[in-house]
N, C-alpha and C. Protein backbone atom coordinates (compact mmCIF):
# COMPACT_ATOMS: atom_id res chain seq x y z
N MET A 1 0.78 -1.28 0.10
CA MET A 1 -0.04 0.03 -0.35
C MET A 1 0.64 1.10 -0.24
N GLY A 2 0.53 2.02 -1.08
CA GLY A 2 1.28 3.11 -0.85
C GLY A 2 0.69 4.09 -0.67
N GLY A 3 1.93 5.42 0.00
CA GLY A 3 0.91 6.52 0.49
C GLY A 3 1.69 7.78 -0.43
N THR A 4 1.23 9.20 0.08
CA THR A 4 1.49 10.31 -0.33
C THR A 4 1.48 11.08 0.35
N GLY A 5 2.41 12.30 0.32
CA GLY A 5 2.67 13.64 1.49
C GLY A 5 2.63 14.69 0.54
N THR A 6 2.14 15.45 1.01
CA THR A 6 2.33 17.00 0.72
C THR A 6 3.37 17.69 1.51
N GLY A 7 4.11 18.67 0.30
CA GLY A 7 5.14 19.54 0.65
C GLY A 7 5.09 20.83 0.40
N ARG A 8 5.52 21.68 1.39
CA ARG A 8 4.95 23.42 0.01
C ARG A 8 6.43 24.36 1.23
N VAL A 9 6.02 24.56 0.21
CA VAL A 9 7.81 25.89 0.34
C VAL A 9 7.85 26.96 -0.14
N THR A 10 7.75 28.02 0.16
CA THR A 10 7.89 29.66 -0.25
C THR A 10 8.70 30.04 -0.18
N LEU A 11 9.68 30.15 -1.74
CA LEU A 11 10.78 30.41 -2.03
C LEU A 11 10.56 32.37 -2.28
N VAL A 12 11.76 33.05 -1.25
CA VAL A 12 11.22 34.36 -1.30
C VAL A 12 12.71 34.60 -2.34
N PRO A 13 12.13 36.29 -3.47
CA PRO A 13 12.74 36.63 -4.23
C PRO A 13 14.16 36.64 -3.80
N ASP A 14 14.91 36.64 -4.26
CA ASP A 14 16.08 37.06 -3.80
C ASP A 14 16.87 37.81 -4.78
N ARG A 15 16.55 38.39 -6.40
CA ARG A 15 16.51 38.79 -6.96
C ARG A 15 16.25 39.83 -7.68
N PHE A 16 16.07 41.11 -8.38
CA PHE A 16 14.93 41.66 -9.47
C PHE A 16 15.71 42.21 -10.19
N THR A 17 15.04 42.25 -11.31
CA THR A 17 15.37 42.57 -12.66
C THR A 17 14.66 43.99 -13.08
N PHE A 18 14.75 45.02 -14.20
CA PHE A 18 14.12 45.69 -14.69
C PHE A 18 14.99 46.21 -16.17
N THR A 19 13.94 46.34 -16.82
CA THR A 19 14.18 46.97 -18.51
C THR A 19 13.80 48.67 -18.71
N VAL A 20 14.79 49.24 -18.96
CA VAL A 20 14.46 50.52 -19.55
C VAL A 20 15.18 50.65 -20.95
N GLY A 21 14.59 51.80 -21.51
CA GLY A 21 15.27 52.15 -22.38
C GLY A 21 14.95 53.90 -22.78
N VAL A 22 16.04 53.99 -24.54
CA VAL A 22 15.82 55.72 -24.79
C VAL A 22 15.86 55.12 -25.80
N GLN A 23 14.59 55.96 -26.21
CA GLN A 23 14.70 56.25 -27.66
C GLN A 23 14.49 57.51 -28.17
N THR A 24 15.13 57.79 -29.18
CA THR A 24 15.23 58.78 -29.73
C THR A 24 15.17 59.22 -31.30
N SER A 25 14.73 60.10 -31.51
CA SER A 25 14.46 60.44 -33.12
C SER A 25 15.47 61.51 -33.90
N ALA A 26 15.72 61.77 -35.67
CA ALA A 26 16.14 62.48 -35.72
C ALA A 26 16.47 62.16 -37.08
N PRO A 27 16.71 63.42 -37.73
CA PRO A 27 16.95 63.55 -39.21
C PRO A 27 17.62 61.90 -40.01
N THR A 28 18.43 61.91 -39.33
CA THR A 28 19.91 60.66 -40.07
C THR A 28 20.10 60.37 -39.31
N VAL A 29 20.59 58.98 -39.36
CA VAL A 29 20.57 57.67 -38.69
C VAL A 29 21.76 58.26 -37.82
N ASP A 30 23.23 59.18 -38.29
CA ASP A 30 24.32 59.09 -37.10
C ASP A 30 23.78 60.30 -35.70
N ALA A 31 23.02 61.24 -36.57
CA ALA A 31 22.33 61.77 -35.24
C ALA A 31 21.39 61.19 -34.03
N ALA A 32 20.46 60.25 -34.85
CA ALA A 32 20.16 59.38 -34.02
C ALA A 32 20.68 58.40 -32.94
N VAL A 33 21.45 57.78 -33.77
CA VAL A 33 22.41 56.91 -32.48
C VAL A 33 23.65 57.82 -31.87
N ASN A 34 23.67 59.20 -32.09
CA ASN A 34 24.71 59.67 -31.00
C ASN A 34 23.97 59.96 -30.04
N GLU A 35 22.61 60.68 -30.13
CA GLU A 35 21.96 61.20 -29.50
C GLU A 35 21.66 60.23 -28.18
N ASN A 36 21.21 58.96 -29.16
CA ASN A 36 20.82 57.62 -27.89
C ASN A 36 22.04 57.36 -27.58
N ASN A 37 23.07 57.38 -27.65
CA ASN A 37 24.15 56.41 -27.30
C ASN A 37 24.84 58.07 -25.89
N GLU A 38 24.58 59.28 -26.12
CA GLU A 38 25.19 60.14 -25.42
C GLU A 38 23.96 59.82 -23.44
N ARG A 39 22.81 59.42 -24.09
CA ARG A 39 21.99 59.57 -22.95
C ARG A 39 22.15 57.93 -22.29
N VAL A 40 22.06 57.26 -23.25
CA VAL A 40 22.53 55.80 -22.51
C VAL A 40 23.81 56.03 -21.81
N THR A 41 25.08 56.78 -22.15
CA THR A 41 25.90 56.56 -21.40
C THR A 41 25.23 57.36 -20.02
N ARG A 42 24.55 58.14 -19.96
CA ARG A 42 24.04 58.73 -18.51
C ARG A 42 22.90 57.92 -17.97
N VAL A 43 22.39 57.33 -18.27
CA VAL A 43 21.44 56.16 -17.33
C VAL A 43 22.65 55.36 -16.75
N VAL A 44 23.63 55.02 -17.36
CA VAL A 44 24.31 53.71 -17.24
C VAL A 44 24.85 54.28 -15.91
N ALA A 45 26.01 55.43 -16.36
CA ALA A 45 26.39 56.65 -14.88
C ALA A 45 25.83 56.49 -13.68
N ALA A 46 24.56 56.64 -14.42
CA ALA A 46 23.51 56.86 -13.19
C ALA A 46 22.80 55.94 -12.36
N LEU A 47 23.20 54.92 -13.02
CA LEU A 47 23.19 53.40 -12.21
C LEU A 47 24.60 52.85 -11.62
N LYS A 48 25.66 53.19 -12.18
CA LYS A 48 26.43 53.09 -11.24
C LYS A 48 26.83 53.95 -10.10
N GLY A 49 26.47 55.19 -10.26
CA GLY A 49 26.67 56.06 -9.26
C GLY A 49 25.65 55.77 -8.10
N ALA A 50 24.81 54.94 -8.39
CA ALA A 50 23.64 54.71 -7.19
C ALA A 50 23.27 53.40 -6.98
N GLY A 51 25.06 52.80 -7.40
CA GLY A 51 25.43 51.51 -7.05
C GLY A 51 25.31 49.95 -7.33
N ALA A 52 24.67 49.96 -8.64
CA ALA A 52 24.75 49.28 -9.90
C ALA A 52 26.49 48.73 -9.90
N LYS A 53 26.46 47.51 -9.85
CA LYS A 53 28.20 47.58 -10.49
C LYS A 53 27.93 47.08 -12.30
N PRO A 54 29.61 47.27 -12.81
CA PRO A 54 28.81 47.06 -14.05
C PRO A 54 28.85 46.12 -14.75
N GLU A 55 28.62 44.66 -14.01
CA GLU A 55 28.45 43.13 -14.47
C GLU A 55 26.78 43.07 -14.04
N GLU A 56 25.94 44.28 -13.78
CA GLU A 56 24.76 43.80 -12.76
C GLU A 56 23.93 44.88 -14.07
N ILE A 57 24.96 45.58 -15.07
CA ILE A 57 23.83 46.32 -16.28
C ILE A 57 24.24 45.82 -17.51
N GLN A 58 23.86 45.75 -18.10
CA GLN A 58 23.37 45.37 -19.83
C GLN A 58 22.79 45.64 -20.54
N THR A 59 23.01 45.52 -21.90
CA THR A 59 22.44 46.18 -22.87
C THR A 59 21.47 45.25 -23.09
N SER A 60 20.44 45.03 -23.41
CA SER A 60 19.64 44.04 -23.66
C SER A 60 18.76 44.08 -25.20
N GLY A 61 18.53 45.91 -25.96
CA GLY A 61 18.41 45.45 -27.24
C GLY A 61 18.90 46.47 -28.00
N PHE A 62 19.23 46.71 -29.40
CA PHE A 62 19.17 48.33 -30.44
C PHE A 62 18.30 47.90 -31.20
N SER A 63 17.94 48.71 -31.82
CA SER A 63 17.05 48.85 -33.51
C SER A 63 17.36 50.63 -33.84
N ILE A 64 17.48 50.30 -34.50
CA ILE A 64 17.28 51.55 -35.79
C ILE A 64 15.93 51.28 -36.66
N TYR A 65 14.98 51.97 -36.95
CA TYR A 65 13.96 52.30 -37.86
C TYR A 65 13.95 53.11 -38.60
N PRO A 66 13.51 53.07 -39.71
CA PRO A 66 13.11 54.39 -40.46
C PRO A 66 11.98 55.10 -40.17
N GLN A 67 12.56 55.92 -40.11
CA GLN A 67 10.26 57.01 -39.65
C GLN A 67 9.94 57.06 -41.01
N GLN A 68 9.04 56.93 -42.01
CA GLN A 68 8.25 56.66 -43.17
C GLN A 68 7.17 57.78 -43.03
N ASP A 69 6.81 58.66 -44.18
CA ASP A 69 5.47 59.23 -44.17
C ASP A 69 4.45 58.71 -45.21
N TYR A 70 3.25 57.60 -45.30
CA TYR A 70 2.86 57.01 -45.94
C TYR A 70 1.81 58.20 -46.04
N SER A 71 1.92 58.87 -46.78
CA SER A 71 0.50 59.61 -47.77
C SER A 71 -0.33 59.35 -48.64
N GLN A 72 -1.47 59.18 -48.58
CA GLN A 72 -2.19 58.63 -49.37
C GLN A 72 -1.96 58.84 -51.22
N GLY A 73 -1.21 57.71 -51.97
CA GLY A 73 -1.39 58.74 -53.37
C GLY A 73 0.60 58.55 -53.87
N GLN A 74 0.80 58.65 -52.75
CA GLN A 74 2.20 59.30 -52.80
C GLN A 74 3.00 58.19 -52.15
N LEU A 75 4.47 57.93 -53.05
CA LEU A 75 5.49 57.25 -52.67
C LEU A 75 5.98 57.27 -51.11
N PRO A 76 6.41 56.90 -50.45
CA PRO A 76 6.80 57.19 -48.43
C PRO A 76 7.70 58.42 -49.09
N ARG A 77 7.76 58.73 -47.78
CA ARG A 77 9.00 60.01 -47.91
C ARG A 77 9.77 59.75 -46.60
N LEU A 78 10.88 59.82 -46.32
CA LEU A 78 11.60 59.59 -45.19
C LEU A 78 11.20 59.96 -44.70
N LEU A 79 11.48 60.69 -42.89
CA LEU A 79 11.18 61.40 -42.51
C LEU A 79 12.57 61.20 -41.56
N GLY A 80 13.04 60.37 -41.33
CA GLY A 80 14.59 60.63 -39.95
C GLY A 80 14.55 59.08 -39.11
N TYR A 81 15.54 58.62 -38.27
CA TYR A 81 14.96 57.52 -37.85
C TYR A 81 14.84 57.55 -36.13
N GLN A 82 14.50 56.44 -36.43
CA GLN A 82 14.40 55.98 -34.70
C GLN A 82 15.28 55.30 -33.57
N VAL A 83 15.94 55.40 -32.83
CA VAL A 83 17.06 54.89 -32.43
C VAL A 83 16.59 53.94 -31.01
N ASN A 84 15.96 53.02 -30.10
CA ASN A 84 16.20 52.19 -29.38
C ASN A 84 16.76 51.37 -28.95
N ASN A 85 17.44 51.92 -27.40
CA ASN A 85 18.26 51.19 -26.86
C ASN A 85 17.97 50.98 -25.53
N SER A 86 18.30 49.85 -25.25
CA SER A 86 17.62 49.34 -23.77
C SER A 86 18.27 48.76 -22.66
N VAL A 87 18.19 48.52 -21.62
CA VAL A 87 18.92 48.36 -20.44
C VAL A 87 18.96 47.61 -19.10
N THR A 88 19.10 46.12 -19.23
CA THR A 88 18.38 45.33 -18.08
C THR A 88 19.47 45.24 -16.78
N VAL A 89 18.91 46.07 -15.39
CA VAL A 89 19.64 46.17 -14.38
C VAL A 89 19.15 44.43 -13.89
N ARG A 90 20.27 43.67 -13.16
CA ARG A 90 20.06 42.91 -12.57
C ARG A 90 20.87 42.41 -11.35
N LYS A 91 19.94 42.34 -10.25
CA LYS A 91 20.76 43.08 -8.86
C LYS A 91 20.00 41.81 -7.91
N LYS A 92 21.20 41.53 -6.80
CA LYS A 92 20.93 41.08 -5.72
C LYS A 92 19.91 41.62 -4.45
N GLU A 93 20.55 43.06 -4.78
CA GLU A 93 20.11 43.75 -3.39
C GLU A 93 18.56 44.29 -3.60
N ILE A 94 17.54 43.94 -3.29
CA ILE A 94 16.21 43.85 -3.08
C ILE A 94 15.44 45.35 -3.37
N ALA A 95 16.29 45.58 -1.96
CA ALA A 95 15.46 47.05 -1.54
C ALA A 95 16.45 47.90 -2.40
N SER A 96 17.33 47.74 -3.39
CA SER A 96 17.52 49.17 -4.18
C SER A 96 16.70 48.78 -5.09
N ALA A 97 15.68 48.12 -5.51
CA ALA A 97 15.01 48.12 -6.85
C ALA A 97 14.31 49.72 -7.52
N SER A 98 13.75 50.35 -6.51
CA SER A 98 13.04 51.75 -6.41
C SER A 98 13.31 52.31 -6.50
N LYS A 99 15.03 52.90 -6.26
CA LYS A 99 16.11 54.27 -6.19
C LYS A 99 16.68 53.38 -7.01
N LEU A 100 17.00 52.52 -8.12
CA LEU A 100 17.57 52.39 -9.15
C LEU A 100 16.66 52.59 -10.23
N LEU A 101 15.52 52.58 -10.48
CA LEU A 101 14.78 52.61 -10.97
C LEU A 101 14.07 54.15 -11.33
N GLN A 102 14.33 54.61 -10.34
CA GLN A 102 13.77 56.22 -9.92
C GLN A 102 15.02 56.80 -10.88
N VAL A 103 16.72 56.62 -10.53
CA VAL A 103 17.74 57.07 -11.26
C VAL A 103 17.34 57.13 -12.32
N ALA A 104 17.29 56.18 -12.75
CA ALA A 104 17.34 55.83 -14.33
C ALA A 104 16.51 56.59 -15.09
N ILE A 105 14.86 56.86 -14.43
CA ILE A 105 13.77 57.30 -14.94
C ILE A 105 14.93 59.05 -14.86
N ALA A 106 15.32 59.02 -13.93
CA ALA A 106 15.75 60.87 -13.62
C ALA A 106 16.75 61.00 -14.78
N ALA A 107 17.56 60.43 -15.37
CA ALA A 107 18.58 60.29 -16.11
C ALA A 107 18.21 60.50 -17.20
N GLY A 108 17.24 59.70 -17.77
CA GLY A 108 16.73 60.33 -18.78
C GLY A 108 15.91 59.20 -19.96
N VAL A 109 15.50 57.94 -19.08
CA VAL A 109 14.89 56.87 -20.17
C VAL A 109 13.41 57.59 -20.34
N ASN A 110 13.39 56.80 -21.63
CA ASN A 110 11.44 57.08 -21.75
C ASN A 110 11.06 55.90 -22.31
N THR A 111 11.15 54.45 -21.91
CA THR A 111 10.90 53.70 -21.61
C THR A 111 10.62 52.60 -20.52
N ALA A 112 10.32 51.28 -20.20
CA ALA A 112 10.73 51.39 -18.96
C ALA A 112 9.73 49.94 -19.10
N SER A 113 10.12 48.69 -18.84
CA SER A 113 9.49 47.34 -18.67
C SER A 113 9.48 46.31 -18.07
N GLY A 114 8.82 46.72 -17.01
CA GLY A 114 7.98 45.97 -15.48
C GLY A 114 9.59 45.97 -14.42
N LEU A 115 9.25 45.94 -13.27
CA LEU A 115 9.38 45.64 -12.17
C LEU A 115 9.85 44.06 -11.80
N ASN A 116 10.61 42.95 -12.37
CA ASN A 116 10.32 41.58 -11.96
C ASN A 116 11.33 41.31 -10.48
N PHE A 117 10.35 40.64 -9.78
CA PHE A 117 11.00 40.00 -8.69
C PHE A 117 11.52 38.22 -8.94
N GLU A 118 12.75 37.94 -9.00
CA GLU A 118 13.00 36.38 -8.65
C GLU A 118 13.57 35.55 -8.03
N VAL A 119 13.36 34.46 -8.28
CA VAL A 119 14.61 33.13 -7.09
C VAL A 119 15.64 32.66 -8.29
N SER A 120 16.53 33.13 -7.77
CA SER A 120 18.23 33.27 -8.60
C SER A 120 17.99 31.48 -8.89
N ASP A 121 17.74 30.64 -7.79
CA ASP A 121 18.03 29.34 -7.74
C ASP A 121 16.60 28.83 -7.05
N PRO A 122 15.72 28.15 -8.07
CA PRO A 122 14.35 27.67 -7.75
C PRO A 122 14.00 26.61 -7.25
N THR A 123 15.59 26.03 -7.73
CA THR A 123 16.25 24.23 -7.24
C THR A 123 16.25 24.43 -5.49
N ARG A 124 16.60 25.62 -4.68
CA ARG A 124 16.77 25.46 -3.87
C ARG A 124 15.93 25.39 -2.36
N GLY A 125 14.63 25.24 -2.98
CA GLY A 125 13.25 24.89 -2.12
C GLY A 125 13.73 23.45 -2.20
N ARG A 126 13.81 23.21 -3.24
CA ARG A 126 12.93 21.03 -3.48
C ARG A 126 13.61 20.78 -2.43
N ASP A 127 14.40 20.46 -1.57
CA ASP A 127 14.82 19.73 -1.09
C ASP A 127 14.21 19.93 0.39
N GLN A 128 13.67 20.65 0.77
CA GLN A 128 13.27 21.17 1.80
C GLN A 128 11.79 20.45 1.49
N GLY A 129 10.89 21.12 0.00
CA GLY A 129 9.95 20.23 -0.08
C GLY A 129 9.63 19.07 -0.23
N LEU A 130 10.81 18.29 -0.31
CA LEU A 130 10.72 17.40 -0.08
C LEU A 130 10.99 16.01 0.61
N ARG A 131 11.70 16.86 1.53
CA ARG A 131 11.56 16.59 3.06
C ARG A 131 10.46 16.66 3.90
N SER A 132 9.85 17.50 3.59
CA SER A 132 8.27 18.11 3.88
C SER A 132 7.34 17.02 3.74
N ALA A 133 7.39 17.04 2.61
CA ALA A 133 6.44 15.74 1.94
C ALA A 133 6.50 14.42 2.19
N PHE A 134 7.65 13.78 2.55
CA PHE A 134 8.32 12.52 3.05
C PHE A 134 7.78 12.69 4.91
N ASP A 135 7.85 13.91 5.25
CA ASP A 135 7.30 13.95 6.63
C ASP A 135 6.05 13.97 7.16
N ASP A 136 5.52 14.58 5.73
CA ASP A 136 4.19 14.43 5.74
C ASP A 136 3.08 13.16 5.87
N ALA A 137 4.18 12.46 4.65
CA ALA A 137 3.65 10.79 4.43
C ALA A 137 3.56 9.90 5.86
N LYS A 138 4.85 10.02 6.21
CA LYS A 138 5.40 9.58 7.30
C LYS A 138 4.37 10.12 8.46
N SER A 139 4.03 10.57 8.74
CA SER A 139 3.11 11.51 9.64
C SER A 139 1.59 10.67 9.19
N LYS A 140 1.45 10.37 8.19
CA LYS A 140 0.18 10.38 7.75
C LYS A 140 -0.05 8.44 8.51
N ALA A 141 1.05 7.70 7.20
CA ALA A 141 1.23 6.61 7.93
C ALA A 141 1.26 5.61 8.71
N THR A 142 2.19 6.56 10.19
CA THR A 142 1.96 6.01 11.58
C THR A 142 0.60 6.43 11.76
N LEU A 143 0.16 7.34 11.78
CA LEU A 143 -1.58 7.69 12.34
C LEU A 143 -2.19 7.14 11.62
N LEU A 144 -2.21 6.34 10.05
CA LEU A 144 -3.11 5.45 9.78
C LEU A 144 -2.43 3.95 10.54
N ALA A 145 -1.69 3.73 10.73
CA ALA A 145 -0.90 2.34 11.78
C ALA A 145 -1.44 2.42 13.17
N CYS A 146 -1.46 3.00 13.52
CA CYS A 146 -1.83 3.37 15.06
C CYS A 146 -3.36 3.38 14.91
N ARG A 147 -4.56 3.78 13.90
CA ARG A 147 -5.74 3.62 13.86
C ARG A 147 -6.16 1.84 14.07
N ARG A 148 -5.43 1.13 12.88
CA ARG A 148 -5.64 0.13 12.39
C ARG A 148 -5.28 -1.48 13.62
N SER A 149 -4.19 -0.46 14.15
CA SER A 149 -3.37 -1.61 15.64
C SER A 149 -4.73 -1.54 16.05
N PRO A 150 -4.79 -3.46 16.83
CA PRO A 150 -5.92 -3.85 17.64
C PRO A 150 -6.18 -3.26 19.27
């Protein structure tokens, strides 16, 4: 006769990530890229100044799109270029999340996607959960054995 046990473990997040970006537009590719690079450099410097280490800051996306005017009945007309550059911050000190996000916004980011809290090692609670489930099954089996004893 087999028995089952249930174990539940709650893992507290031990790191956070957020992605912020700078979007710029200019008539030429060079102007759009140069303005974008300057602003991203300010954002990264501000993040470092607020306590983020270089290895905790990573470029996570870069794109250049032509901006065109599609007026009806005419060929598309090039208006300029849009450059998007995003930076992801991943850090273990959860208490610094809000401060770093505010610093990035103040430094000139104009796009942001979610503040996420994560568990860096999801397997960390597995052994504890298995132990808990085993103990639960053992106590149920002991209770059952006691009830069946004459």
